[in-house]
Amino acid sequence: MHRITAMTATAAALVAALHATAPSERAWRKQGDFDSNYLCQAAGMAGVVAGQWDDWKCDNENTLWVNK
């Protein structure tokens, strides 16, 4: 449990850093729809950690959008 919490905190810090330095113009593409916002955010963070994309966001309909 403690390892998962540390990994989540690390992923969140990485995402926050990317959001702070990311350019304003982006080519967002839809990655998937999820049943909850929690699952959408978890998938977004996992993609960053795995190197699949550089930035992500979840909209109000639990859709994951990514940008490389």
PDB file of N, CA and C in Angstrom:
ATOM      1  N   MET A   1       0.818  -1.185   0.000  1.00  0.00           N
ATOM      2  CA  MET A   1       0.000   0.000   0.000  1.00  0.00           C
ATOM      3  C   MET A   1       0.864   1.252   0.000  1.00  0.00           C
ATOM      4  N   HIS A   2       1.920   1.260   0.799  1.00  0.00           N
ATOM      5  CA  HIS A   2       2.784   2.433   0.886  1.00  0.00           C
ATOM      6  C   HIS A   2       3.504   2.684  -0.435  1.00  0.00           C
ATOM      7  N   ARG A   3       3.901   1.620  -1.126  1.00  0.00           N
ATOM      8  CA  ARG A   3       4.592   1.758  -2.405  1.00  0.00           C
ATOM      9  C   ARG A   3       3.665   2.379  -3.446  1.00  0.00           C
ATOM     10  N   ILE A   4       2.399   1.959  -3.470  1.00  0.00           N
ATOM     11  CA  ILE A   4       1.448   2.512  -4.428  1.00  0.00           C
ATOM     12  C   ILE A   4       1.236   3.997  -4.160  1.00  0.00           C
ATOM     13  N   THR A   5       1.128   4.377  -2.913  1.00  0.00           N
ATOM     14  CA  THR A   5       0.948   5.786  -2.565  1.00  0.00           C
ATOM     15  C   THR A   5       2.144   6.615  -3.014  1.00  0.00           C
ATOM     16  N   ALA A   6       3.344   6.112  -2.812  1.00  0.00           N
ATOM     17  CA  ALA A   6       4.550   6.828  -3.235  1.00  0.00           C
ATOM     18  C   ALA A   6       4.605   6.944  -4.751  1.00  0.00           C
ATOM     19  N   MET A   7       4.230   5.880  -5.454  1.00  0.00           N
ATOM     20  CA  MET A   7       4.236   5.914  -6.919  1.00  0.00           C
ATOM     21  C   MET A   7       3.205   6.914  -7.430  1.00  0.00           C
ATOM     22  N   THR A   8       2.036   6.942  -6.819  1.00  0.00           N
ATOM     23  CA  THR A   8       0.998   7.887  -7.221  1.00  0.00           C
ATOM     24  C   THR A   8       1.451   9.319  -6.978  1.00  0.00           C
ATOM     25  N   ALA A   9       2.078   9.566  -5.848  1.00  0.00           N
ATOM     26  CA  ALA A   9       2.575  10.910  -5.542  1.00  0.00           C
ATOM     27  C   ALA A   9       3.654  11.332  -6.529  1.00  0.00           C
ATOM     28  N   THR A  10       4.535  10.406  -6.890  1.00  0.00           N
ATOM     29  CA  THR A  10       5.585  10.703  -7.865  1.00  0.00           C
ATOM     30  C   THR A  10       4.980  11.018  -9.220  1.00  0.00           C
ATOM     31  N   ALA A  11       4.023  10.205  -9.646  1.00  0.00           N
ATOM     32  CA  ALA A  11       3.369  10.440 -10.933  1.00  0.00           C
ATOM     33  C   ALA A  11       2.644  11.779 -10.930  1.00  0.00           C
ATOM     34  N   ALA A  12       1.978  12.103  -9.848  1.00  0.00           N
ATOM     35  CA  ALA A  12       1.269  13.379  -9.754  1.00  0.00           C
ATOM     36  C   ALA A  12       2.239  14.555  -9.821  1.00  0.00           C
ATOM     37  N   ALA A  13       3.398  14.415  -9.198  1.00  0.00           N
ATOM     38  CA  ALA A  13       4.410  15.476  -9.246  1.00  0.00           C
ATOM     39  C   ALA A  13       4.938  15.661 -10.662  1.00  0.00           C
ATOM     40  N   LEU A  14       5.143  14.557 -11.363  1.00  0.00           N
ATOM     41  CA  LEU A  14       5.605  14.643 -12.750  1.00  0.00           C
ATOM     42  C   LEU A  14       4.572  15.339 -13.625  1.00  0.00           C
ATOM     43  N   VAL A  15       3.321  14.973 -13.456  1.00  0.00           N
ATOM     44  CA  VAL A  15       2.253  15.590 -14.240  1.00  0.00           C
ATOM     45  C   VAL A  15       2.149  17.072 -13.928  1.00  0.00           C
ATOM     46  N   ALA A  16       2.248  17.441 -12.665  1.00  0.00           N
ATOM     47  CA  ALA A  16       2.191  18.859 -12.291  1.00  0.00           C
ATOM     48  C   ALA A  16       3.331  19.635 -12.933  1.00  0.00           C
ATOM     49  N   ALA A  17       4.509  19.051 -12.982  1.00  0.00           N
ATOM     50  CA  ALA A  17       5.656  19.710 -13.616  1.00  0.00           C
ATOM     51  C   ALA A  17       5.423  19.873 -15.110  1.00  0.00           C
ATOM     52  N   LEU A  18       4.856  18.872 -15.747  1.00  0.00           N
ATOM     53  CA  LEU A  18       4.573  18.963 -17.177  1.00  0.00           C
ATOM     54  C   LEU A  18       3.524  20.033 -17.457  1.00  0.00           C
ATOM     55  N   HIS A  19       2.500  20.113 -16.614  1.00  0.00           N
ATOM     56  CA  HIS A  19       1.476  21.134 -16.801  1.00  0.00           C
ATOM     57  C   HIS A  19       2.062  22.532 -16.646  1.00  0.00           C
ATOM     58  N   ALA A  20       3.023  22.703 -15.777  1.00  0.00           N
ATOM     59  CA  ALA A  20       3.615  24.012 -15.525  1.00  0.00           C
ATOM     60  C   ALA A  20       4.498  24.474 -16.677  1.00  0.00           C
ATOM     61  N   THR A  21       5.080  23.537 -17.423  1.00  0.00           N
ATOM     62  CA  THR A  21       6.021  23.900 -18.476  1.00  0.00           C
ATOM     63  C   THR A  21       5.498  23.612 -19.878  1.00  0.00           C
ATOM     64  N   ALA A  22       4.288  23.104 -19.991  1.00  0.00           N
ATOM     65  CA  ALA A  22       3.759  22.705 -21.296  1.00  0.00           C
ATOM     66  C   ALA A  22       3.357  23.931 -22.115  1.00  0.00           C
ATOM     67  N   PRO A  23       3.519  23.858 -23.433  1.00  0.00           N
ATOM     68  CA  PRO A  23       3.090  24.962 -24.295  1.00  0.00           C
ATOM     69  C   PRO A  23       1.565  25.075 -24.316  1.00  0.00           C
ATOM     70  N   SER A  24       1.068  26.250 -24.688  1.00  0.00           N
ATOM     71  CA  SER A  24      -0.374  26.462 -24.669  1.00  0.00           C
ATOM     72  C   SER A  24      -1.076  25.771 -25.834  1.00  0.00           C
ATOM     73  N   GLU A  25      -0.413  25.634 -26.970  1.00  0.00           N
ATOM     74  CA  GLU A  25      -1.011  24.965 -28.124  1.00  0.00           C
ATOM     75  C   GLU A  25      -0.684  23.482 -28.083  1.00  0.00           C
ATOM     76  N   ARG A  26      -1.713  22.656 -28.174  1.00  0.00           N
ATOM     77  CA  ARG A  26      -1.514  21.212 -28.081  1.00  0.00           C
ATOM     78  C   ARG A  26      -2.349  20.498 -29.133  1.00  0.00           C
ATOM     79  N   ALA A  27      -1.900  19.311 -29.476  1.00  0.00           N
ATOM     80  CA  ALA A  27      -2.651  18.432 -30.360  1.00  0.00           C
ATOM     81  C   ALA A  27      -3.192  17.289 -29.504  1.00  0.00           C
ATOM     82  N   TRP A  28      -4.293  17.512 -28.827  1.00  0.00           N
ATOM     83  CA  TRP A  28      -4.867  16.506 -27.945  1.00  0.00           C
ATOM     84  C   TRP A  28      -5.549  15.426 -28.770  1.00  0.00           C
ATOM     85  N   ARG A  29      -5.418  14.182 -28.328  1.00  0.00           N
ATOM     86  CA  ARG A  29      -6.144  13.087 -28.976  1.00  0.00           C
ATOM     87  C   ARG A  29      -6.835  12.256 -27.907  1.00  0.00           C
ATOM     88  N   LYS A  30      -7.999  11.758 -28.265  1.00  0.00           N
ATOM     89  CA  LYS A  30      -8.799  10.973 -27.327  1.00  0.00           C
ATOM     90  C   LYS A  30      -8.163   9.603 -27.135  1.00  0.00           C
ATOM     91  N   GLN A  31      -7.957   9.218 -25.876  1.00  0.00           N
ATOM     92  CA  GLN A  31      -7.337   7.935 -25.564  1.00  0.00           C
ATOM     93  C   GLN A  31      -8.357   6.910 -25.095  1.00  0.00           C
ATOM     94  N   GLY A  32      -9.396   7.334 -24.390  1.00  0.00           N
ATOM     95  CA  GLY A  32     -10.391   6.375 -23.920  1.00  0.00           C
ATOM     96  C   GLY A  32     -11.433   6.997 -23.017  1.00  0.00           C
ATOM     97  N   ASP A  33     -12.527   6.241 -22.829  1.00  0.00           N
ATOM     98  CA  ASP A  33     -13.603   6.631 -21.923  1.00  0.00           C
ATOM     99  C   ASP A  33     -13.569   5.714 -20.707  1.00  0.00           C
ATOM    100  N   PHE A  34     -13.825   6.266 -19.534  1.00  0.00           N
ATOM    101  CA  PHE A  34     -13.749   5.499 -18.293  1.00  0.00           C
ATOM    102  C   PHE A  34     -15.034   5.657 -17.494  1.00  0.00           C
ATOM    103  N   ASP A  35     -15.279   4.697 -16.602  1.00  0.00           N
ATOM    104  CA  ASP A  35     -16.487   4.702 -15.780  1.00  0.00           C
ATOM    105  C   ASP A  35     -16.435   5.740 -14.666  1.00  0.00           C
ATOM    106  N   SER A  36     -15.245   6.161 -14.283  1.00  0.00           N
ATOM    107  CA  SER A  36     -15.121   7.151 -13.208  1.00  0.00           C
ATOM    108  C   SER A  36     -13.926   8.055 -13.473  1.00  0.00           C
ATOM    109  N   ASN A  37     -13.938   9.204 -12.831  1.00  0.00           N
ATOM    110  CA  ASN A  37     -12.828  10.135 -12.965  1.00  0.00           C
ATOM    111  C   ASN A  37     -11.562   9.569 -12.346  1.00  0.00           C
ATOM    112  N   TYR A  38     -11.718   8.790 -11.284  1.00  0.00           N
ATOM    113  CA  TYR A  38     -10.562   8.161 -10.626  1.00  0.00           C
ATOM    114  C   TYR A  38      -9.824   7.240 -11.602  1.00  0.00           C
ATOM    115  N   LEU A  39     -10.562   6.414 -12.344  1.00  0.00           N
ATOM    116  CA  LEU A  39      -9.935   5.511 -13.314  1.00  0.00           C
ATOM    117  C   LEU A  39      -9.286   6.290 -14.457  1.00  0.00           C
ATOM    118  N   CYS A  40      -9.933   7.363 -14.873  1.00  0.00           N
ATOM    119  CA  CYS A  40      -9.375   8.204 -15.930  1.00  0.00           C
ATOM    120  C   CYS A  40      -8.044   8.806 -15.491  1.00  0.00           C
ATOM    121  N   GLN A  41      -7.995   9.344 -14.280  1.00  0.00           N
ATOM    122  CA  GLN A  41      -6.765   9.942 -13.776  1.00  0.00           C
ATOM    123  C   GLN A  41      -5.673   8.901 -13.576  1.00  0.00           C
ATOM    124  N   ALA A  42      -6.046   7.725 -13.100  1.00  0.00           N
ATOM    125  CA  ALA A  42      -5.059   6.660 -12.905  1.00  0.00           C
ATOM    126  C   ALA A  42      -4.448   6.248 -14.239  1.00  0.00           C
ATOM    127  N   ALA A  43      -5.273   6.142 -15.276  1.00  0.00           N
ATOM    128  CA  ALA A  43      -4.763   5.785 -16.601  1.00  0.00           C
ATOM    129  C   ALA A  43      -3.864   6.889 -17.150  1.00  0.00           C
ATOM    130  N   GLY A  44      -4.231   8.138 -16.917  1.00  0.00           N
ATOM    131  CA  GLY A  44      -3.405   9.253 -17.369  1.00  0.00           C
ATOM    132  C   GLY A  44      -2.036   9.248 -16.729  1.00  0.00           C
ATOM    133  N   MET A  45      -1.995   9.054 -15.416  1.00  0.00           N
ATOM    134  CA  MET A  45      -0.715   9.010 -14.695  1.00  0.00           C
ATOM    135  C   MET A  45       0.111   7.798 -15.115  1.00  0.00           C
ATOM    136  N   ALA A  46      -0.546   6.665 -15.295  1.00  0.00           N
ATOM    137  CA  ALA A  46       0.171   5.451 -15.694  1.00  0.00           C
ATOM    138  C   ALA A  46       0.820   5.635 -17.062  1.00  0.00           C
ATOM    139  N   GLY A  47       0.142   6.310 -17.969  1.00  0.00           N
ATOM    140  CA  GLY A  47       0.706   6.558 -19.291  1.00  0.00           C
ATOM    141  C   GLY A  47       1.942   7.433 -19.248  1.00  0.00           C
ATOM    142  N   VAL A  48       1.946   8.428 -18.372  1.00  0.00           N
ATOM    143  CA  VAL A  48       3.122   9.288 -18.214  1.00  0.00           C
ATOM    144  C   VAL A  48       4.285   8.479 -17.660  1.00  0.00           C
ATOM    145  N   VAL A  49       4.016   7.705 -16.606  1.00  0.00           N
ATOM    146  CA  VAL A  49       5.070   6.899 -15.980  1.00  0.00           C
ATOM    147  C   VAL A  49       5.633   5.886 -16.972  1.00  0.00           C
ATOM    148  N   ALA A  50       4.769   5.311 -17.819  1.00  0.00           N
ATOM    149  CA  ALA A  50       5.202   4.313 -18.798  1.00  0.00           C
ATOM    150  C   ALA A  50       5.832   4.947 -20.039  1.00  0.00           C
ATOM    151  N   GLY A  51       5.785   6.273 -20.150  1.00  0.00           N
ATOM    152  CA  GLY A  51       6.383   6.946 -21.292  1.00  0.00           C
ATOM    153  C   GLY A  51       5.518   6.940 -22.541  1.00  0.00           C
ATOM    154  N   GLN A  52       4.221   6.676 -22.396  1.00  0.00           N
ATOM    155  CA  GLN A  52       3.320   6.634 -23.549  1.00  0.00           C
ATOM    156  C   GLN A  52       2.950   8.030 -24.045  1.00  0.00           C
ATOM    157  N   TRP A  53       2.857   8.990 -23.133  1.00  0.00           N
ATOM    158  CA  TRP A  53       2.557  10.374 -23.490  1.00  0.00           C
ATOM    159  C   TRP A  53       3.174  11.308 -22.463  1.00  0.00           C
ATOM    160  N   ASP A  54       3.252  12.575 -22.840  1.00  0.00           N
ATOM    161  CA  ASP A  54       3.874  13.579 -21.980  1.00  0.00           C
ATOM    162  C   ASP A  54       2.866  14.305 -21.099  1.00  0.00           C
ATOM    163  N   ASP A  55       1.639  14.419 -21.559  1.00  0.00           N
ATOM    164  CA  ASP A  55       0.636  15.174 -20.821  1.00  0.00           C
ATOM    165  C   ASP A  55      -0.729  14.537 -21.040  1.00  0.00           C
ATOM    166  N   TRP A  56      -1.616  14.750 -20.110  1.00  0.00           N
ATOM    167  CA  TRP A  56      -2.945  14.165 -20.186  1.00  0.00           C
ATOM    168  C   TRP A  56      -3.926  15.042 -19.428  1.00  0.00           C
ATOM    169  N   LYS A  57      -5.212  14.836 -19.719  1.00  0.00           N
ATOM    170  CA  LYS A  57      -6.274  15.500 -18.967  1.00  0.00           C
ATOM    171  C   LYS A  57      -7.542  14.658 -19.078  1.00  0.00           C
ATOM    172  N   CYS A  58      -8.365  14.738 -18.056  1.00  0.00           N
ATOM    173  CA  CYS A  58      -9.663  14.075 -18.038  1.00  0.00           C
ATOM    174  C   CYS A  58     -10.732  15.159 -18.085  1.00  0.00           C
ATOM    175  N   ASP A  59     -11.709  14.994 -18.965  1.00  0.00           N
ATOM    176  CA  ASP A  59     -12.779  15.987 -19.019  1.00  0.00           C
ATOM    177  C   ASP A  59     -13.908  15.605 -18.061  1.00  0.00           C
ATOM    178  N   ASN A  60     -14.982  16.363 -18.076  1.00  0.00           N
ATOM    179  CA  ASN A  60     -16.103  16.140 -17.154  1.00  0.00           C
ATOM    180  C   ASN A  60     -16.890  14.874 -17.460  1.00  0.00           C
ATOM    181  N   GLU A  61     -16.631  14.250 -18.610  1.00  0.00           N
ATOM    182  CA  GLU A  61     -17.322  13.017 -18.987  1.00  0.00           C
ATOM    183  C   GLU A  61     -16.416  11.799 -18.828  1.00  0.00           C
ATOM    184  N   ASN A  62     -15.337  11.940 -18.053  1.00  0.00           N
ATOM    185  CA  ASN A  62     -14.378  10.858 -17.769  1.00  0.00           C
ATOM    186  C   ASN A  62     -13.695  10.330 -19.028  1.00  0.00           C
ATOM    187  N   THR A  63     -13.441  11.222 -19.964  1.00  0.00           N
ATOM    188  CA  THR A  63     -12.710  10.883 -21.178  1.00  0.00           C
ATOM    189  C   THR A  63     -11.266  11.328 -21.002  1.00  0.00           C
ATOM    190  N   LEU A  64     -10.343  10.433 -21.314  1.00  0.00           N
ATOM    191  CA  LEU A  64      -8.917  10.729 -21.206  1.00  0.00           C
ATOM    192  C   LEU A  64      -8.417  11.285 -22.529  1.00  0.00           C
ATOM    193  N   TRP A  65      -7.789  12.459 -22.468  1.00  0.00           N
ATOM    194  CA  TRP A  65      -7.169  13.103 -23.617  1.00  0.00           C
ATOM    195  C   TRP A  65      -5.670  13.157 -23.368  1.00  0.00           C
ATOM    196  N   VAL A  66      -4.874  12.824 -24.379  1.00  0.00           N
ATOM    197  CA  VAL A  66      -3.424  12.792 -24.205  1.00  0.00           C
ATOM    198  C   VAL A  66      -2.731  13.643 -25.258  1.00  0.00           C
ATOM    199  N   ASN A  67      -1.507  14.026 -24.937  1.00  0.00           N
ATOM    200  CA  ASN A  67      -0.661  14.799 -25.834  1.00  0.00           C
ATOM    201  C   ASN A  67       0.753  14.274 -25.689  1.00  0.00           C
ATOM    202  N   LYS A  68       1.387  13.944 -26.794  1.00  0.00           N
ATOM    203  CA  LYS A  68       2.752  13.402 -26.736  1.00  0.00           C
ATOM    204  C   LYS A  68       3.763  14.488 -26.588  1.00  0.00           C
TER     205      LYS A  68
END
